[in-house]
Amino acid sequence: PGMPSQLDQSFRAAKENGPAAYRAWFNTYGRQLADPRKAWIELELCVALARENPAEAKRIFAGVKGRLPPASPVWPKMKELEKTFE
């Protein structure tokens, strides 16, 4: 839940085309996403950007962490990545 089905194909293509394409896709469609799917995608984007742009990855991670409630289904993944991005 949280991502319109019409975005699925372009999302998959962007992920396959590397971090720059993934980031461009998110910048274009991110406003159409809702949590928990938006948070999950942002965490995946953090991992994809970690080598190329660690400062941006940390910024994105901080945004996700700041808005996720502990009851979110994405919370365990966020906690798993916390040491990497803080």
N, C-alpha and C. Protein backbone atom coordinates (compact mmCIF):
# COMPACT_ATOMS: atom_id res chain seq x y z
N PRO A 1 0.82 -1.21 0.00
CA PRO A 1 0.00 0.00 0.00
C PRO A 1 0.85 1.26 0.00
N GLY A 2 0.34 2.27 -0.65
CA GLY A 2 1.02 3.55 -0.64
C GLY A 2 1.61 3.97 -1.98
N MET A 3 1.52 3.08 -3.00
CA MET A 3 2.03 3.44 -4.31
C MET A 3 0.97 3.10 -5.35
N PRO A 4 0.57 4.07 -6.17
CA PRO A 4 -0.40 3.79 -7.23
C PRO A 4 0.14 2.70 -8.17
N SER A 5 -0.72 1.78 -8.54
CA SER A 5 -0.28 0.64 -9.36
C SER A 5 0.31 1.06 -10.70
N GLN A 6 -0.11 2.19 -11.24
CA GLN A 6 0.42 2.63 -12.53
C GLN A 6 1.89 3.03 -12.45
N LEU A 7 2.43 3.21 -11.26
CA LEU A 7 3.84 3.57 -11.11
C LEU A 7 4.76 2.36 -10.98
N ASP A 8 4.18 1.19 -10.83
CA ASP A 8 4.98 -0.01 -10.57
C ASP A 8 6.00 -0.30 -11.66
N GLN A 9 5.60 -0.25 -12.90
CA GLN A 9 6.51 -0.58 -14.00
C GLN A 9 7.66 0.43 -14.09
N SER A 10 7.37 1.71 -13.98
CA SER A 10 8.43 2.71 -14.06
C SER A 10 9.35 2.61 -12.83
N PHE A 11 8.79 2.25 -11.69
CA PHE A 11 9.58 2.07 -10.48
C PHE A 11 10.59 0.94 -10.66
N ARG A 12 10.13 -0.19 -11.17
CA ARG A 12 11.03 -1.33 -11.40
C ARG A 12 12.13 -0.98 -12.39
N ALA A 13 11.78 -0.28 -13.45
CA ALA A 13 12.76 0.11 -14.46
C ALA A 13 13.81 1.05 -13.85
N ALA A 14 13.37 1.99 -13.04
CA ALA A 14 14.30 2.93 -12.41
C ALA A 14 15.27 2.21 -11.49
N LYS A 15 14.77 1.27 -10.70
CA LYS A 15 15.65 0.51 -9.81
C LYS A 15 16.71 -0.26 -10.59
N GLU A 16 16.31 -0.82 -11.72
CA GLU A 16 17.24 -1.60 -12.54
C GLU A 16 18.29 -0.74 -13.22
N ASN A 17 18.01 0.54 -13.42
CA ASN A 17 18.92 1.43 -14.13
C ASN A 17 19.89 2.18 -13.24
N GLY A 18 19.97 1.82 -11.97
CA GLY A 18 20.97 2.38 -11.09
C GLY A 18 20.50 3.52 -10.21
N PRO A 19 21.38 3.94 -9.29
CA PRO A 19 21.02 4.96 -8.31
C PRO A 19 20.54 6.29 -8.90
N ALA A 20 21.16 6.73 -9.98
CA ALA A 20 20.76 8.03 -10.55
C ALA A 20 19.33 7.96 -11.09
N ALA A 21 19.01 6.87 -11.77
CA ALA A 21 17.65 6.71 -12.30
C ALA A 21 16.64 6.54 -11.17
N TYR A 22 17.04 5.81 -10.14
CA TYR A 22 16.17 5.58 -8.98
C TYR A 22 15.88 6.92 -8.30
N ARG A 23 16.91 7.73 -8.10
CA ARG A 23 16.73 9.03 -7.47
C ARG A 23 15.84 9.94 -8.33
N ALA A 24 16.07 9.93 -9.63
CA ALA A 24 15.25 10.75 -10.54
C ALA A 24 13.79 10.32 -10.49
N TRP A 25 13.56 9.01 -10.45
CA TRP A 25 12.19 8.49 -10.37
C TRP A 25 11.54 8.99 -9.07
N PHE A 26 12.26 8.86 -7.96
CA PHE A 26 11.70 9.28 -6.68
C PHE A 26 11.42 10.78 -6.67
N ASN A 27 12.32 11.56 -7.23
CA ASN A 27 12.10 13.01 -7.27
C ASN A 27 10.87 13.36 -8.09
N THR A 28 10.60 12.58 -9.12
CA THR A 28 9.44 12.81 -9.97
C THR A 28 8.14 12.35 -9.33
N TYR A 29 8.15 11.16 -8.74
CA TYR A 29 6.90 10.54 -8.27
C TYR A 29 6.74 10.47 -6.75
N GLY A 30 7.73 10.90 -6.01
CA GLY A 30 7.68 10.78 -4.55
C GLY A 30 6.45 11.38 -3.90
N ARG A 31 5.93 12.45 -4.47
CA ARG A 31 4.74 13.10 -3.88
C ARG A 31 3.48 12.26 -4.03
N GLN A 32 3.51 11.30 -4.96
CA GLN A 32 2.35 10.43 -5.16
C GLN A 32 2.37 9.22 -4.23
N LEU A 33 3.45 9.06 -3.47
CA LEU A 33 3.61 7.90 -2.60
C LEU A 33 3.16 8.23 -1.19
N ALA A 34 2.78 7.19 -0.47
CA ALA A 34 2.39 7.34 0.93
C ALA A 34 3.07 6.23 1.74
N ASP A 35 3.26 6.50 3.01
CA ASP A 35 3.81 5.48 3.89
C ASP A 35 2.80 4.36 4.07
N PRO A 36 3.24 3.14 4.20
CA PRO A 36 4.60 2.69 4.45
C PRO A 36 5.45 2.49 3.19
N ARG A 37 4.84 2.46 2.03
CA ARG A 37 5.60 2.20 0.80
C ARG A 37 6.63 3.29 0.53
N LYS A 38 6.28 4.52 0.79
CA LYS A 38 7.21 5.63 0.56
C LYS A 38 8.46 5.46 1.43
N ALA A 39 8.27 5.13 2.69
CA ALA A 39 9.41 4.94 3.59
C ALA A 39 10.29 3.79 3.12
N TRP A 40 9.66 2.70 2.69
CA TRP A 40 10.42 1.54 2.22
C TRP A 40 11.25 1.92 0.99
N ILE A 41 10.66 2.62 0.07
CA ILE A 41 11.38 3.06 -1.14
C ILE A 41 12.53 3.99 -0.76
N GLU A 42 12.29 4.90 0.16
CA GLU A 42 13.35 5.82 0.58
C GLU A 42 14.51 5.08 1.23
N LEU A 43 14.22 4.06 2.03
CA LEU A 43 15.30 3.28 2.64
C LEU A 43 16.09 2.53 1.58
N GLU A 44 15.40 1.99 0.58
CA GLU A 44 16.09 1.33 -0.52
C GLU A 44 16.96 2.34 -1.28
N LEU A 45 16.45 3.54 -1.44
CA LEU A 45 17.21 4.59 -2.11
C LEU A 45 18.45 4.96 -1.30
N CYS A 46 18.34 5.00 0.01
CA CYS A 46 19.50 5.26 0.87
C CYS A 46 20.60 4.24 0.61
N VAL A 47 20.22 2.98 0.57
CA VAL A 47 21.20 1.92 0.33
C VAL A 47 21.82 2.08 -1.06
N ALA A 48 21.00 2.40 -2.05
CA ALA A 48 21.50 2.57 -3.42
C ALA A 48 22.47 3.75 -3.52
N LEU A 49 22.23 4.80 -2.76
CA LEU A 49 23.05 6.00 -2.83
C LEU A 49 24.25 5.99 -1.88
N ALA A 50 24.33 5.02 -1.00
CA ALA A 50 25.33 5.03 0.06
C ALA A 50 26.76 5.25 -0.43
N ARG A 51 27.14 4.63 -1.51
CA ARG A 51 28.51 4.80 -2.02
C ARG A 51 28.67 6.08 -2.84
N GLU A 52 27.70 6.35 -3.66
CA GLU A 52 27.77 7.48 -4.58
C GLU A 52 27.61 8.83 -3.89
N ASN A 53 26.68 8.89 -2.94
CA ASN A 53 26.37 10.16 -2.29
C ASN A 53 25.94 9.91 -0.84
N PRO A 54 26.91 9.60 0.04
CA PRO A 54 26.55 9.27 1.42
C PRO A 54 25.85 10.39 2.17
N ALA A 55 26.15 11.62 1.86
CA ALA A 55 25.49 12.75 2.55
C ALA A 55 24.00 12.77 2.21
N GLU A 56 23.67 12.56 0.95
CA GLU A 56 22.25 12.53 0.57
C GLU A 56 21.55 11.33 1.17
N ALA A 57 22.22 10.18 1.20
CA ALA A 57 21.64 8.98 1.80
C ALA A 57 21.32 9.23 3.27
N LYS A 58 22.23 9.87 3.99
CA LYS A 58 21.99 10.17 5.40
C LYS A 58 20.84 11.16 5.58
N ARG A 59 20.74 12.13 4.68
CA ARG A 59 19.65 13.11 4.76
C ARG A 59 18.30 12.44 4.55
N ILE A 60 18.23 11.57 3.56
CA ILE A 60 16.98 10.85 3.29
C ILE A 60 16.63 9.96 4.47
N PHE A 61 17.63 9.26 5.00
CA PHE A 61 17.39 8.38 6.15
C PHE A 61 16.84 9.16 7.34
N ALA A 62 17.43 10.32 7.61
CA ALA A 62 16.98 11.14 8.74
C ALA A 62 15.51 11.54 8.56
N GLY A 63 15.11 11.84 7.34
CA GLY A 63 13.72 12.19 7.08
C GLY A 63 12.77 11.04 7.35
N VAL A 64 13.18 9.85 6.92
CA VAL A 64 12.35 8.66 7.16
C VAL A 64 12.26 8.40 8.66
N LYS A 65 13.39 8.43 9.33
CA LYS A 65 13.41 8.15 10.77
C LYS A 65 12.56 9.15 11.54
N GLY A 66 12.57 10.39 11.11
CA GLY A 66 11.82 11.43 11.80
C GLY A 66 10.31 11.30 11.68
N ARG A 67 9.84 10.60 10.66
CA ARG A 67 8.38 10.52 10.49
C ARG A 67 7.79 9.14 10.76
N LEU A 68 8.63 8.11 10.87
CA LEU A 68 8.10 6.76 11.08
C LEU A 68 7.72 6.52 12.53
N PRO A 69 6.51 6.06 12.77
CA PRO A 69 6.15 5.67 14.13
C PRO A 69 6.66 4.25 14.40
N PRO A 70 6.92 3.91 15.65
CA PRO A 70 7.39 2.56 15.97
C PRO A 70 6.45 1.44 15.51
N ALA A 71 5.19 1.74 15.33
CA ALA A 71 4.22 0.72 14.88
C ALA A 71 4.27 0.47 13.38
N SER A 72 5.06 1.24 12.65
CA SER A 72 5.14 1.09 11.20
C SER A 72 5.75 -0.27 10.83
N PRO A 73 5.25 -0.89 9.76
CA PRO A 73 5.86 -2.15 9.32
C PRO A 73 7.28 -1.96 8.78
N VAL A 74 7.67 -0.73 8.53
CA VAL A 74 9.01 -0.42 8.02
C VAL A 74 10.00 -0.19 9.16
N TRP A 75 9.51 -0.01 10.38
CA TRP A 75 10.35 0.30 11.53
C TRP A 75 11.52 -0.68 11.69
N PRO A 76 11.32 -2.00 11.62
CA PRO A 76 12.46 -2.92 11.78
C PRO A 76 13.56 -2.69 10.74
N LYS A 77 13.19 -2.42 9.51
CA LYS A 77 14.18 -2.16 8.46
C LYS A 77 14.93 -0.85 8.76
N MET A 78 14.22 0.15 9.22
CA MET A 78 14.85 1.42 9.57
C MET A 78 15.85 1.20 10.71
N LYS A 79 15.47 0.43 11.71
CA LYS A 79 16.37 0.17 12.84
C LYS A 79 17.60 -0.62 12.38
N GLU A 80 17.41 -1.52 11.44
CA GLU A 80 18.51 -2.32 10.90
C GLU A 80 19.55 -1.43 10.21
N LEU A 81 19.08 -0.40 9.52
CA LEU A 81 19.97 0.49 8.76
C LEU A 81 20.49 1.67 9.58
N GLU A 82 19.97 1.84 10.77
CA GLU A 82 20.27 3.01 11.58
C GLU A 82 21.77 3.24 11.81
N LYS A 83 22.51 2.20 12.13
CA LYS A 83 23.94 2.36 12.42
C LYS A 83 24.71 2.78 11.17
N THR A 84 24.25 2.37 10.02
CA THR A 84 24.91 2.70 8.77
C THR A 84 24.76 4.18 8.41
N PHE A 85 23.58 4.74 8.68
CA PHE A 85 23.27 6.08 8.20
C PHE A 85 23.25 7.17 9.25
N GLU A 86 23.68 6.87 10.44
CA GLU A 86 23.74 7.92 11.47
C GLU A 86 25.16 8.17 11.88
